[in-house]
Amino acid sequence: MTGGGSAQDIVAGFYDDFNRGDISEALSAFAEDLETTDPGMGTVHGIEPFREYLDTFKRCRMRRRSSGKPMRSATS
């Protein structure tokens, strides 16, 4: 997900890369000094801790899918 584009293109590219399992490419949308907050995890500072966060999220998501249990939407 290199290059510019609209904010919508950047977000869509991030999710495309993440869903393909290409965490490194997904991270190319972010600056090294990123900061993000997850309600269940707290604030993540920096690209490497965010990589760990994404890896953990991906593993949990894959386990959930392989268990046969449906994924919940943000509204359920």
PDB file of N, CA and C in Angstrom:
ATOM      1  N   MET A   1       0.814  -1.167   0.000  1.00  0.00           N
ATOM      2  CA  MET A   1       0.000   0.000   0.000  1.00  0.00           C
ATOM      3  C   MET A   1       0.858   1.231   0.000  1.00  0.00           C
ATOM      4  N   THR A   2       1.667   1.367  -0.963  1.00  0.00           N
ATOM      5  CA  THR A   2       2.519   2.533  -1.055  1.00  0.00           C
ATOM      6  C   THR A   2       1.860   3.564  -1.938  1.00  0.00           C
ATOM      7  N   GLY A   3       2.325   4.790  -1.830  1.00  0.00           N
ATOM      8  CA  GLY A   3       1.791   5.847  -2.674  1.00  0.00           C
ATOM      9  C   GLY A   3       0.743   6.653  -1.944  1.00  0.00           C
ATOM     10  N   GLY A   4       0.252   7.662  -2.643  1.00  0.00           N
ATOM     11  CA  GLY A   4      -0.717   8.568  -2.051  1.00  0.00           C
ATOM     12  C   GLY A   4      -2.130   8.113  -2.326  1.00  0.00           C
ATOM     13  N   GLY A   5      -2.999   9.078  -2.443  1.00  0.00           N
ATOM     14  CA  GLY A   5      -4.394   8.790  -2.688  1.00  0.00           C
ATOM     15  C   GLY A   5      -5.250   9.493  -1.667  1.00  0.00           C
ATOM     16  N   SER A   6      -6.539   9.359  -1.851  1.00  0.00           N
ATOM     17  CA  SER A   6      -7.467   9.967  -0.906  1.00  0.00           C
ATOM     18  C   SER A   6      -7.429   9.191   0.423  1.00  0.00           C
ATOM     19  N   ALA A   7      -7.982   9.801   1.438  1.00  0.00           N
ATOM     20  CA  ALA A   7      -8.044   9.120   2.740  1.00  0.00           C
ATOM     21  C   ALA A   7      -8.808   7.804   2.602  1.00  0.00           C
ATOM     22  N   GLN A   8      -9.869   7.821   1.806  1.00  0.00           N
ATOM     23  CA  GLN A   8     -10.659   6.603   1.600  1.00  0.00           C
ATOM     24  C   GLN A   8      -9.815   5.525   0.919  1.00  0.00           C
ATOM     25  N   ASP A   9      -8.995   5.904  -0.073  1.00  0.00           N
ATOM     26  CA  ASP A   9      -8.120   4.944  -0.754  1.00  0.00           C
ATOM     27  C   ASP A   9      -7.086   4.361   0.203  1.00  0.00           C
ATOM     28  N   ILE A  10      -6.536   5.206   1.066  1.00  0.00           N
ATOM     29  CA  ILE A  10      -5.521   4.754   2.024  1.00  0.00           C
ATOM     30  C   ILE A  10      -6.122   3.762   3.012  1.00  0.00           C
ATOM     31  N   VAL A  11      -7.306   4.077   3.534  1.00  0.00           N
ATOM     32  CA  VAL A  11      -7.966   3.181   4.490  1.00  0.00           C
ATOM     33  C   VAL A  11      -8.335   1.866   3.804  1.00  0.00           C
ATOM     34  N   ALA A  12      -8.887   1.948   2.594  1.00  0.00           N
ATOM     35  CA  ALA A  12      -9.257   0.730   1.855  1.00  0.00           C
ATOM     36  C   ALA A  12      -8.014  -0.110   1.575  1.00  0.00           C
ATOM     37  N   GLY A  13      -6.906   0.537   1.217  1.00  0.00           N
ATOM     38  CA  GLY A  13      -5.664  -0.191   0.964  1.00  0.00           C
ATOM     39  C   GLY A  13      -5.144  -0.880   2.208  1.00  0.00           C
ATOM     40  N   PHE A  14      -5.242  -0.194   3.353  1.00  0.00           N
ATOM     41  CA  PHE A  14      -4.818  -0.792   4.617  1.00  0.00           C
ATOM     42  C   PHE A  14      -5.602  -2.085   4.872  1.00  0.00           C
ATOM     43  N   TYR A  15      -6.928  -2.015   4.769  1.00  0.00           N
ATOM     44  CA  TYR A  15      -7.747  -3.202   5.039  1.00  0.00           C
ATOM     45  C   TYR A  15      -7.527  -4.301   4.006  1.00  0.00           C
ATOM     46  N   ASP A  16      -7.319  -3.930   2.755  1.00  0.00           N
ATOM     47  CA  ASP A  16      -7.006  -4.940   1.732  1.00  0.00           C
ATOM     48  C   ASP A  16      -5.717  -5.671   2.087  1.00  0.00           C
ATOM     49  N   ASP A  17      -4.689  -4.899   2.431  1.00  0.00           N
ATOM     50  CA  ASP A  17      -3.394  -5.493   2.794  1.00  0.00           C
ATOM     51  C   ASP A  17      -3.530  -6.353   4.047  1.00  0.00           C
ATOM     52  N   PHE A  18      -4.210  -5.837   5.055  1.00  0.00           N
ATOM     53  CA  PHE A  18      -4.391  -6.582   6.307  1.00  0.00           C
ATOM     54  C   PHE A  18      -5.145  -7.881   6.052  1.00  0.00           C
ATOM     55  N   ASN A  19      -6.223  -7.811   5.299  1.00  0.00           N
ATOM     56  CA  ASN A  19      -7.033  -9.002   5.034  1.00  0.00           C
ATOM     57  C   ASN A  19      -6.290 -10.039   4.203  1.00  0.00           C
ATOM     58  N   ARG A  20      -5.323  -9.614   3.416  1.00  0.00           N
ATOM     59  CA  ARG A  20      -4.468 -10.545   2.675  1.00  0.00           C
ATOM     60  C   ARG A  20      -3.383 -11.124   3.564  1.00  0.00           C
ATOM     61  N   GLY A  21      -3.225 -10.574   4.761  1.00  0.00           N
ATOM     62  CA  GLY A  21      -2.200 -11.054   5.676  1.00  0.00           C
ATOM     63  C   GLY A  21      -0.865 -10.350   5.518  1.00  0.00           C
ATOM     64  N   ASP A  22      -0.838  -9.272   4.736  1.00  0.00           N
ATOM     65  CA  ASP A  22       0.406  -8.533   4.489  1.00  0.00           C
ATOM     66  C   ASP A  22       0.509  -7.361   5.465  1.00  0.00           C
ATOM     67  N   ILE A  23       0.882  -7.688   6.701  1.00  0.00           N
ATOM     68  CA  ILE A  23       0.954  -6.680   7.763  1.00  0.00           C
ATOM     69  C   ILE A  23       1.986  -5.608   7.428  1.00  0.00           C
ATOM     70  N   SER A  24       3.126  -6.005   6.885  1.00  0.00           N
ATOM     71  CA  SER A  24       4.168  -5.023   6.552  1.00  0.00           C
ATOM     72  C   SER A  24       3.659  -3.997   5.556  1.00  0.00           C
ATOM     73  N   GLU A  25       2.956  -4.455   4.540  1.00  0.00           N
ATOM     74  CA  GLU A  25       2.415  -3.519   3.550  1.00  0.00           C
ATOM     75  C   GLU A  25       1.303  -2.668   4.161  1.00  0.00           C
ATOM     76  N   ALA A  26       0.475  -3.268   5.010  1.00  0.00           N
ATOM     77  CA  ALA A  26      -0.585  -2.508   5.678  1.00  0.00           C
ATOM     78  C   ALA A  26       0.012  -1.389   6.527  1.00  0.00           C
ATOM     79  N   LEU A  27       1.127  -1.668   7.175  1.00  0.00           N
ATOM     80  CA  LEU A  27       1.770  -0.670   8.029  1.00  0.00           C
ATOM     81  C   LEU A  27       2.373   0.486   7.248  1.00  0.00           C
ATOM     82  N   SER A  28       2.567   0.311   5.952  1.00  0.00           N
ATOM     83  CA  SER A  28       3.154   1.392   5.146  1.00  0.00           C
ATOM     84  C   SER A  28       2.239   2.610   5.082  1.00  0.00           C
ATOM     85  N   ALA A  29       0.993   2.476   5.509  1.00  0.00           N
ATOM     86  CA  ALA A  29       0.062   3.605   5.534  1.00  0.00           C
ATOM     87  C   ALA A  29       0.303   4.523   6.736  1.00  0.00           C
ATOM     88  N   PHE A  30       1.155   4.092   7.674  1.00  0.00           N
ATOM     89  CA  PHE A  30       1.324   4.818   8.930  1.00  0.00           C
ATOM     90  C   PHE A  30       2.739   5.362   9.097  1.00  0.00           C
ATOM     91  N   ALA A  31       2.845   6.438   9.873  1.00  0.00           N
ATOM     92  CA  ALA A  31       4.139   7.007  10.239  1.00  0.00           C
ATOM     93  C   ALA A  31       4.754   6.178  11.362  1.00  0.00           C
ATOM     94  N   GLU A  32       6.079   6.231  11.466  1.00  0.00           N
ATOM     95  CA  GLU A  32       6.798   5.485  12.513  1.00  0.00           C
ATOM     96  C   GLU A  32       6.332   5.864  13.922  1.00  0.00           C
ATOM     97  N   ASP A  33       5.910   7.113  14.098  1.00  0.00           N
ATOM     98  CA  ASP A  33       5.534   7.586  15.440  1.00  0.00           C
ATOM     99  C   ASP A  33       4.017   7.586  15.664  1.00  0.00           C
ATOM    100  N   LEU A  34       3.319   6.666  15.006  1.00  0.00           N
ATOM    101  CA  LEU A  34       1.868   6.628  15.138  1.00  0.00           C
ATOM    102  C   LEU A  34       1.452   6.410  16.582  1.00  0.00           C
ATOM    103  N   GLU A  35       0.244   6.836  16.869  1.00  0.00           N
ATOM    104  CA  GLU A  35      -0.363   6.613  18.179  1.00  0.00           C
ATOM    105  C   GLU A  35      -1.831   6.307  17.933  1.00  0.00           C
ATOM    106  N   THR A  36      -2.303   5.207  18.471  1.00  0.00           N
ATOM    107  CA  THR A  36      -3.706   4.830  18.328  1.00  0.00           C
ATOM    108  C   THR A  36      -4.206   4.262  19.640  1.00  0.00           C
ATOM    109  N   THR A  37      -5.496   4.378  19.860  1.00  0.00           N
ATOM    110  CA  THR A  37      -6.085   3.894  21.107  1.00  0.00           C
ATOM    111  C   THR A  37      -7.160   2.863  20.795  1.00  0.00           C
ATOM    112  N   ASP A  38      -7.060   1.735  21.465  1.00  0.00           N
ATOM    113  CA  ASP A  38      -8.057   0.674  21.387  1.00  0.00           C
ATOM    114  C   ASP A  38      -8.735   0.621  22.742  1.00  0.00           C
ATOM    115  N   PRO A  39     -10.072   0.647  22.775  1.00  0.00           N
ATOM    116  CA  PRO A  39     -10.760   0.668  24.070  1.00  0.00           C
ATOM    117  C   PRO A  39     -10.394  -0.501  24.986  1.00  0.00           C
ATOM    118  N   GLY A  40     -10.105  -1.661  24.418  1.00  0.00           N
ATOM    119  CA  GLY A  40      -9.788  -2.818  25.240  1.00  0.00           C
ATOM    120  C   GLY A  40      -8.323  -2.972  25.570  1.00  0.00           C
ATOM    121  N   MET A  41      -7.462  -2.255  24.851  1.00  0.00           N
ATOM    122  CA  MET A  41      -6.029  -2.444  25.016  1.00  0.00           C
ATOM    123  C   MET A  41      -5.306  -1.197  25.507  1.00  0.00           C
ATOM    124  N   GLY A  42      -5.894  -0.061  25.298  1.00  0.00           N
ATOM    125  CA  GLY A  42      -5.239   1.187  25.671  1.00  0.00           C
ATOM    126  C   GLY A  42      -4.547   1.814  24.474  1.00  0.00           C
ATOM    127  N   THR A  43      -3.592   2.682  24.746  1.00  0.00           N
ATOM    128  CA  THR A  43      -2.908   3.420  23.686  1.00  0.00           C
ATOM    129  C   THR A  43      -1.646   2.701  23.254  1.00  0.00           C
ATOM    130  N   VAL A  44      -1.464   2.625  21.951  1.00  0.00           N
ATOM    131  CA  VAL A  44      -0.290   2.005  21.343  1.00  0.00           C
ATOM    132  C   VAL A  44       0.540   3.127  20.729  1.00  0.00           C
ATOM    133  N   HIS A  45       1.834   3.174  21.081  1.00  0.00           N
ATOM    134  CA  HIS A  45       2.742   4.210  20.594  1.00  0.00           C
ATOM    135  C   HIS A  45       3.806   3.575  19.714  1.00  0.00           C
ATOM    136  N   GLY A  46       3.903   3.989  18.462  1.00  0.00           N
ATOM    137  CA  GLY A  46       4.978   3.539  17.588  1.00  0.00           C
ATOM    138  C   GLY A  46       4.589   2.390  16.681  1.00  0.00           C
ATOM    139  N   ILE A  47       5.316   2.266  15.585  1.00  0.00           N
ATOM    140  CA  ILE A  47       4.981   1.303  14.537  1.00  0.00           C
ATOM    141  C   ILE A  47       5.194  -0.149  14.981  1.00  0.00           C
ATOM    142  N   GLU A  48       6.250  -0.447  15.717  1.00  0.00           N
ATOM    143  CA  GLU A  48       6.499  -1.839  16.124  1.00  0.00           C
ATOM    144  C   GLU A  48       5.470  -2.341  17.129  1.00  0.00           C
ATOM    145  N   PRO A  49       5.114  -1.563  18.157  1.00  0.00           N
ATOM    146  CA  PRO A  49       4.026  -2.020  19.034  1.00  0.00           C
ATOM    147  C   PRO A  49       2.703  -2.168  18.278  1.00  0.00           C
ATOM    148  N   PHE A  50       2.471  -1.307  17.266  1.00  0.00           N
ATOM    149  CA  PHE A  50       1.254  -1.427  16.466  1.00  0.00           C
ATOM    150  C   PHE A  50       1.304  -2.691  15.607  1.00  0.00           C
ATOM    151  N   ARG A  51       2.486  -3.049  15.113  1.00  0.00           N
ATOM    152  CA  ARG A  51       2.643  -4.306  14.364  1.00  0.00           C
ATOM    153  C   ARG A  51       2.268  -5.489  15.267  1.00  0.00           C
ATOM    154  N   GLU A  52       2.746  -5.486  16.500  1.00  0.00           N
ATOM    155  CA  GLU A  52       2.412  -6.551  17.445  1.00  0.00           C
ATOM    156  C   GLU A  52       0.906  -6.596  17.707  1.00  0.00           C
ATOM    157  N   TYR A  53       0.301  -5.419  17.845  1.00  0.00           N
ATOM    158  CA  TYR A  53      -1.142  -5.324  18.044  1.00  0.00           C
ATOM    159  C   TYR A  53      -1.881  -5.952  16.862  1.00  0.00           C
ATOM    160  N   LEU A  54      -1.481  -5.593  15.628  1.00  0.00           N
ATOM    161  CA  LEU A  54      -2.133  -6.148  14.437  1.00  0.00           C
ATOM    162  C   LEU A  54      -1.923  -7.650  14.333  1.00  0.00           C
ATOM    163  N   ASP A  55      -0.720  -8.115  14.638  1.00  0.00           N
ATOM    164  CA  ASP A  55      -0.458  -9.560  14.603  1.00  0.00           C
ATOM    165  C   ASP A  55      -1.357 -10.300  15.593  1.00  0.00           C
ATOM    166  N   THR A  56      -1.493  -9.757  16.794  1.00  0.00           N
ATOM    167  CA  THR A  56      -2.349 -10.369  17.809  1.00  0.00           C
ATOM    168  C   THR A  56      -3.809 -10.362  17.367  1.00  0.00           C
ATOM    169  N   PHE A  57      -4.254  -9.229  16.846  1.00  0.00           N
ATOM    170  CA  PHE A  57      -5.629  -9.113  16.365  1.00  0.00           C
ATOM    171  C   PHE A  57      -5.894 -10.122  15.250  1.00  0.00           C
ATOM    172  N   LYS A  58      -4.948 -10.245  14.341  1.00  0.00           N
ATOM    173  CA  LYS A  58      -5.095 -11.173  13.218  1.00  0.00           C
ATOM    174  C   LYS A  58      -5.193 -12.623  13.721  1.00  0.00           C
ATOM    175  N   ARG A  59      -4.322 -13.002  14.664  1.00  0.00           N
ATOM    176  CA  ARG A  59      -4.361 -14.364  15.207  1.00  0.00           C
ATOM    177  C   ARG A  59      -5.697 -14.649  15.892  1.00  0.00           C
ATOM    178  N   CYS A  60      -6.191 -13.700  16.672  1.00  0.00           N
ATOM    179  CA  CYS A  60      -7.474 -13.882  17.362  1.00  0.00           C
ATOM    180  C   CYS A  60      -8.614 -14.002  16.362  1.00  0.00           C
ATOM    181  N   ARG A  61      -8.567 -13.195  15.343  1.00  0.00           N
ATOM    182  CA  ARG A  61      -9.593 -13.238  14.302  1.00  0.00           C
ATOM    183  C   ARG A  61      -9.579 -14.576  13.569  1.00  0.00           C
ATOM    184  N   MET A  62      -8.388 -15.083  13.278  1.00  0.00           N
ATOM    185  CA  MET A  62      -8.278 -16.367  12.587  1.00  0.00           C
ATOM    186  C   MET A  62      -8.773 -17.505  13.470  1.00  0.00           C
ATOM    187  N   ARG A  63      -8.438 -17.462  14.769  1.00  0.00           N
ATOM    188  CA  ARG A  63      -8.920 -18.495  15.694  1.00  0.00           C
ATOM    189  C   ARG A  63     -10.440 -18.476  15.778  1.00  0.00           C
ATOM    190  N   ARG A  64     -10.989 -17.287  15.812  1.00  0.00           N
ATOM    191  CA  ARG A  64     -12.449 -17.156  15.906  1.00  0.00           C
ATOM    192  C   ARG A  64     -13.109 -17.740  14.661  1.00  0.00           C
ATOM    193  N   ARG A  65     -12.547 -17.426  13.499  1.00  0.00           N
ATOM    194  CA  ARG A  65     -13.110 -17.951  12.254  1.00  0.00           C
ATOM    195  C   ARG A  65     -13.000 -19.464  12.192  1.00  0.00           C
ATOM    196  N   SER A  66     -11.865 -20.007  12.626  1.00  0.00           N
ATOM    197  CA  SER A  66     -11.667 -21.455  12.544  1.00  0.00           C
ATOM    198  C   SER A  66     -12.511 -22.202  13.575  1.00  0.00           C
ATOM    199  N   SER A  67     -13.009 -21.493  14.575  1.00  0.00           N
ATOM    200  CA  SER A  67     -13.849 -22.144  15.589  1.00  0.00           C
ATOM    201  C   SER A  67     -15.274 -22.359  15.087  1.00  0.00           C
ATOM    202  N   GLY A  68     -15.608 -21.742  13.961  1.00  0.00           N
ATOM    203  CA  GLY A  68     -16.960 -21.860  13.437  1.00  0.00           C
ATOM    204  C   GLY A  68     -17.938 -20.869  14.014  1.00  0.00           C
ATOM    205  N   LYS A  69     -17.469 -20.072  14.983  1.00  0.00           N
ATOM    206  CA  LYS A  69     -18.339 -19.065  15.572  1.00  0.00           C
ATOM    207  C   LYS A  69     -18.366 -17.839  14.666  1.00  0.00           C
ATOM    208  N   PRO A  70     -19.540 -17.255  14.486  1.00  0.00           N
ATOM    209  CA  PRO A  70     -19.609 -16.076  13.602  1.00  0.00           C
ATOM    210  C   PRO A  70     -18.902 -14.873  14.233  1.00  0.00           C
ATOM    211  N   MET A  71     -18.339 -14.039  13.376  1.00  0.00           N
ATOM    212  CA  MET A  71     -17.733 -12.796  13.835  1.00  0.00           C
ATOM    213  C   MET A  71     -18.875 -11.820  14.152  1.00  0.00           C
ATOM    214  N   ARG A  72     -18.723 -11.079  15.213  1.00  0.00           N
ATOM    215  CA  ARG A  72     -19.726 -10.069  15.565  1.00  0.00           C
ATOM    216  C   ARG A  72     -19.417  -8.796  14.815  1.00  0.00           C
ATOM    217  N   SER A  73     -20.454  -8.081  14.432  1.00  0.00           N
ATOM    218  CA  SER A  73     -20.247  -6.779  13.814  1.00  0.00           C
ATOM    219  C   SER A  73     -20.094  -5.757  14.928  1.00  0.00           C
ATOM    220  N   ALA A  74     -19.669  -4.564  14.572  1.00  0.00           N
ATOM    221  CA  ALA A  74     -19.483  -3.506  15.557  1.00  0.00           C
ATOM    222  C   ALA A  74     -20.813  -3.094  16.185  1.00  0.00           C
ATOM    223  N   THR A  75     -21.918  -3.419  15.531  1.00  0.00           N
ATOM    224  CA  THR A  75     -23.216  -3.020  16.046  1.00  0.00           C
ATOM    225  C   THR A  75     -23.935  -4.117  16.813  1.00  0.00           C
ATOM    226  N   SER A  76     -23.331  -5.323  16.876  1.00  0.00           N
ATOM    227  CA  SER A  76     -24.021  -6.404  17.603  1.00  0.00           C
ATOM    228  C   SER A  76     -23.444  -6.635  18.965  1.00  0.00           C
TER     229      SER A  76
END
